[in-house]
Amino acid sequence: MSLVEDQNRTQNIQAIEDRKVAEAEHLVTMVREMMAAESYKDPRLQAFKARRREHAMQERWWKPNLALPKKRNF
């Protein structure tokens, strides 16, 4: 074979190996992110819960604090 074909072959083999390594690294990072997202200690989840709690404790203008109706006597 010619020298150019040998160089192309070695470059192709190296590119294949590099893609395999990059794919493995990507899978590792994806698994880490998935584990963090499923964690109860995830900062994004904690921030979401804090926002929901703050929103739930707001006084609503469409539900004023009215006294409960008196118990009916039959």
N, C-alpha and C. Protein backbone atom coordinates (compact mmCIF):
# COMPACT_ATOMS: atom_id res chain seq x y z
N MET A 1 0.84 -1.19 0.00
CA MET A 1 0.00 0.00 0.00
C MET A 1 0.87 1.24 0.00
N SER A 2 0.23 2.29 -0.37
CA SER A 2 0.99 3.54 -0.43
C SER A 2 1.07 4.18 0.95
N LEU A 3 1.95 5.10 1.05
CA LEU A 3 2.15 5.81 2.30
C LEU A 3 0.90 6.62 2.68
N VAL A 4 0.23 7.20 1.70
CA VAL A 4 -0.97 8.01 1.95
C VAL A 4 -2.09 7.13 2.51
N GLU A 5 -2.26 5.94 1.96
CA GLU A 5 -3.30 5.04 2.46
C GLU A 5 -3.01 4.62 3.89
N ASP A 6 -1.76 4.37 4.19
CA ASP A 6 -1.40 4.00 5.57
C ASP A 6 -1.69 5.16 6.53
N GLN A 7 -1.36 6.37 6.12
CA GLN A 7 -1.63 7.53 6.97
C GLN A 7 -3.13 7.73 7.17
N ASN A 8 -3.91 7.57 6.10
CA ASN A 8 -5.37 7.70 6.21
C ASN A 8 -5.93 6.64 7.14
N ARG A 9 -5.44 5.42 7.01
CA ARG A 9 -5.92 4.33 7.86
C ARG A 9 -5.61 4.62 9.33
N THR A 10 -4.40 5.07 9.63
CA THR A 10 -4.05 5.37 11.02
C THR A 10 -4.88 6.54 11.55
N GLN A 11 -5.11 7.54 10.70
CA GLN A 11 -5.93 8.67 11.13
C GLN A 11 -7.37 8.24 11.39
N ASN A 12 -7.89 7.37 10.56
CA ASN A 12 -9.26 6.87 10.75
C ASN A 12 -9.38 6.06 12.03
N ILE A 13 -8.38 5.21 12.27
CA ILE A 13 -8.40 4.40 13.50
C ILE A 13 -8.33 5.31 14.72
N GLN A 14 -7.48 6.33 14.67
CA GLN A 14 -7.36 7.27 15.79
C GLN A 14 -8.66 8.05 15.98
N ALA A 15 -9.31 8.45 14.89
CA ALA A 15 -10.58 9.18 14.99
C ALA A 15 -11.66 8.30 15.61
N ILE A 16 -11.69 7.02 15.24
CA ILE A 16 -12.67 6.10 15.82
C ILE A 16 -12.45 5.97 17.32
N GLU A 17 -11.19 5.82 17.73
CA GLU A 17 -10.89 5.71 19.16
C GLU A 17 -11.27 7.00 19.90
N ASP A 18 -10.98 8.14 19.29
CA ASP A 18 -11.33 9.41 19.92
C ASP A 18 -12.84 9.55 20.09
N ARG A 19 -13.61 9.13 19.10
CA ARG A 19 -15.08 9.18 19.21
C ARG A 19 -15.58 8.26 20.31
N LYS A 20 -14.97 7.08 20.43
CA LYS A 20 -15.39 6.15 21.49
C LYS A 20 -15.12 6.75 22.86
N VAL A 21 -13.96 7.37 23.03
CA VAL A 21 -13.62 7.99 24.31
C VAL A 21 -14.56 9.15 24.60
N ALA A 22 -14.84 9.97 23.60
CA ALA A 22 -15.74 11.10 23.79
C ALA A 22 -17.15 10.64 24.14
N GLU A 23 -17.60 9.57 23.51
CA GLU A 23 -18.94 9.04 23.81
C GLU A 23 -19.00 8.51 25.24
N ALA A 24 -17.94 7.82 25.67
CA ALA A 24 -17.92 7.30 27.04
C ALA A 24 -17.93 8.45 28.05
N GLU A 25 -17.15 9.49 27.80
CA GLU A 25 -17.14 10.64 28.69
C GLU A 25 -18.50 11.32 28.73
N HIS A 26 -19.15 11.42 27.58
CA HIS A 26 -20.47 12.03 27.51
C HIS A 26 -21.48 11.22 28.33
N LEU A 27 -21.42 9.90 28.21
CA LEU A 27 -22.34 9.07 28.97
C LEU A 27 -22.12 9.23 30.47
N VAL A 28 -20.86 9.34 30.88
CA VAL A 28 -20.56 9.52 32.30
C VAL A 28 -21.14 10.84 32.80
N THR A 29 -20.96 11.92 32.03
CA THR A 29 -21.50 13.21 32.46
C THR A 29 -23.03 13.18 32.48
N MET A 30 -23.65 12.51 31.52
CA MET A 30 -25.11 12.43 31.50
C MET A 30 -25.63 11.67 32.71
N VAL A 31 -24.96 10.60 33.09
CA VAL A 31 -25.40 9.83 34.26
C VAL A 31 -25.24 10.66 35.52
N ARG A 32 -24.15 11.42 35.62
CA ARG A 32 -23.96 12.29 36.79
C ARG A 32 -25.06 13.33 36.87
N GLU A 33 -25.39 13.96 35.74
CA GLU A 33 -26.45 14.97 35.73
C GLU A 33 -27.80 14.35 36.08
N MET A 34 -28.06 13.14 35.59
CA MET A 34 -29.33 12.48 35.88
C MET A 34 -29.43 12.16 37.37
N MET A 35 -28.32 11.69 37.94
CA MET A 35 -28.34 11.38 39.37
C MET A 35 -28.55 12.65 40.19
N ALA A 36 -27.94 13.75 39.77
CA ALA A 36 -28.12 15.02 40.50
C ALA A 36 -29.56 15.51 40.37
N ALA A 37 -30.15 15.34 39.21
CA ALA A 37 -31.52 15.80 38.99
C ALA A 37 -32.52 14.97 39.80
N GLU A 38 -32.22 13.70 40.01
CA GLU A 38 -33.13 12.85 40.77
C GLU A 38 -32.92 12.97 42.27
N SER A 39 -31.88 13.65 42.67
CA SER A 39 -31.56 13.77 44.09
C SER A 39 -32.53 14.74 44.77
N TYR A 40 -32.83 14.45 46.04
CA TYR A 40 -33.67 15.36 46.81
C TYR A 40 -32.90 16.61 47.20
N LYS A 41 -31.59 16.55 47.17
CA LYS A 41 -30.75 17.68 47.56
C LYS A 41 -30.39 18.55 46.36
N ASP A 42 -31.00 18.31 45.23
CA ASP A 42 -30.71 19.08 44.02
C ASP A 42 -31.05 20.54 44.26
N PRO A 43 -30.10 21.45 44.05
CA PRO A 43 -30.39 22.87 44.31
C PRO A 43 -31.53 23.42 43.47
N ARG A 44 -31.69 22.92 42.25
CA ARG A 44 -32.79 23.40 41.42
C ARG A 44 -34.13 22.98 42.03
N LEU A 45 -34.19 21.76 42.56
CA LEU A 45 -35.42 21.29 43.19
C LEU A 45 -35.71 22.07 44.46
N GLN A 46 -34.68 22.36 45.24
CA GLN A 46 -34.88 23.13 46.46
C GLN A 46 -35.37 24.53 46.14
N ALA A 47 -34.82 25.15 45.11
CA ALA A 47 -35.26 26.49 44.72
C ALA A 47 -36.71 26.46 44.24
N PHE A 48 -37.07 25.43 43.48
CA PHE A 48 -38.45 25.31 43.01
C PHE A 48 -39.41 25.17 44.18
N LYS A 49 -39.05 24.33 45.15
CA LYS A 49 -39.92 24.14 46.32
C LYS A 49 -40.07 25.43 47.11
N ALA A 50 -38.98 26.19 47.23
CA ALA A 50 -39.06 27.46 47.96
C ALA A 50 -39.98 28.45 47.24
N ARG A 51 -39.88 28.52 45.90
CA ARG A 51 -40.78 29.40 45.15
C ARG A 51 -42.23 28.97 45.30
N ARG A 52 -42.49 27.67 45.24
CA ARG A 52 -43.87 27.18 45.38
C ARG A 52 -44.39 27.48 46.78
N ARG A 53 -43.56 27.32 47.80
CA ARG A 53 -43.98 27.60 49.18
C ARG A 53 -44.31 29.08 49.33
N GLU A 54 -43.45 29.94 48.77
CA GLU A 54 -43.69 31.38 48.85
C GLU A 54 -44.97 31.75 48.12
N HIS A 55 -45.21 31.15 46.98
CA HIS A 55 -46.42 31.43 46.21
C HIS A 55 -47.66 30.95 46.96
N ALA A 56 -47.57 29.80 47.60
CA ALA A 56 -48.73 29.24 48.29
C ALA A 56 -49.10 30.05 49.53
N MET A 57 -48.14 30.74 50.12
CA MET A 57 -48.41 31.49 51.35
C MET A 57 -48.91 32.91 51.07
N GLN A 58 -48.99 33.30 49.81
CA GLN A 58 -49.47 34.65 49.50
C GLN A 58 -50.96 34.77 49.82
N GLU A 59 -51.32 35.97 50.23
CA GLU A 59 -52.75 36.23 50.46
C GLU A 59 -53.39 36.49 49.11
N ARG A 60 -54.46 35.79 48.87
CA ARG A 60 -55.10 35.89 47.56
C ARG A 60 -56.26 36.88 47.62
N TRP A 61 -56.30 37.74 46.63
CA TRP A 61 -57.33 38.77 46.61
C TRP A 61 -58.70 38.17 46.31
N TRP A 62 -58.75 37.01 45.66
CA TRP A 62 -60.04 36.43 45.33
C TRP A 62 -60.56 35.52 46.44
N LYS A 63 -59.73 35.33 47.48
CA LYS A 63 -60.19 34.56 48.63
C LYS A 63 -59.89 35.36 49.89
N PRO A 64 -60.69 36.34 50.17
CA PRO A 64 -60.42 37.13 51.38
C PRO A 64 -60.65 36.28 52.63
N ASN A 65 -60.00 36.69 53.70
CA ASN A 65 -60.13 35.94 54.95
C ASN A 65 -61.48 36.24 55.59
N LEU A 66 -62.46 35.46 55.23
CA LEU A 66 -63.80 35.61 55.78
C LEU A 66 -63.97 34.62 56.92
N ALA A 67 -64.84 34.99 57.84
CA ALA A 67 -65.15 34.08 58.94
C ALA A 67 -65.95 32.91 58.38
N LEU A 68 -65.77 31.77 58.97
CA LEU A 68 -66.51 30.60 58.53
C LEU A 68 -67.98 30.80 58.82
N PRO A 69 -68.87 30.26 58.00
CA PRO A 69 -70.30 30.42 58.27
C PRO A 69 -70.67 29.72 59.58
N LYS A 70 -71.70 30.27 60.21
CA LYS A 70 -72.13 29.68 61.47
C LYS A 70 -72.76 28.34 61.24
N LYS A 71 -72.65 27.49 62.23
CA LYS A 71 -73.21 26.16 62.12
C LYS A 71 -74.74 26.28 62.12
N ARG A 72 -75.36 25.58 61.21
CA ARG A 72 -76.82 25.63 61.09
C ARG A 72 -77.47 24.68 62.09
N ASN A 73 -78.48 25.17 62.72
CA ASN A 73 -79.25 24.33 63.65
C ASN A 73 -80.54 23.91 62.98
N PHE A 74 -80.78 22.64 62.96
CA PHE A 74 -82.00 22.11 62.35
C PHE A 74 -83.02 21.82 63.40
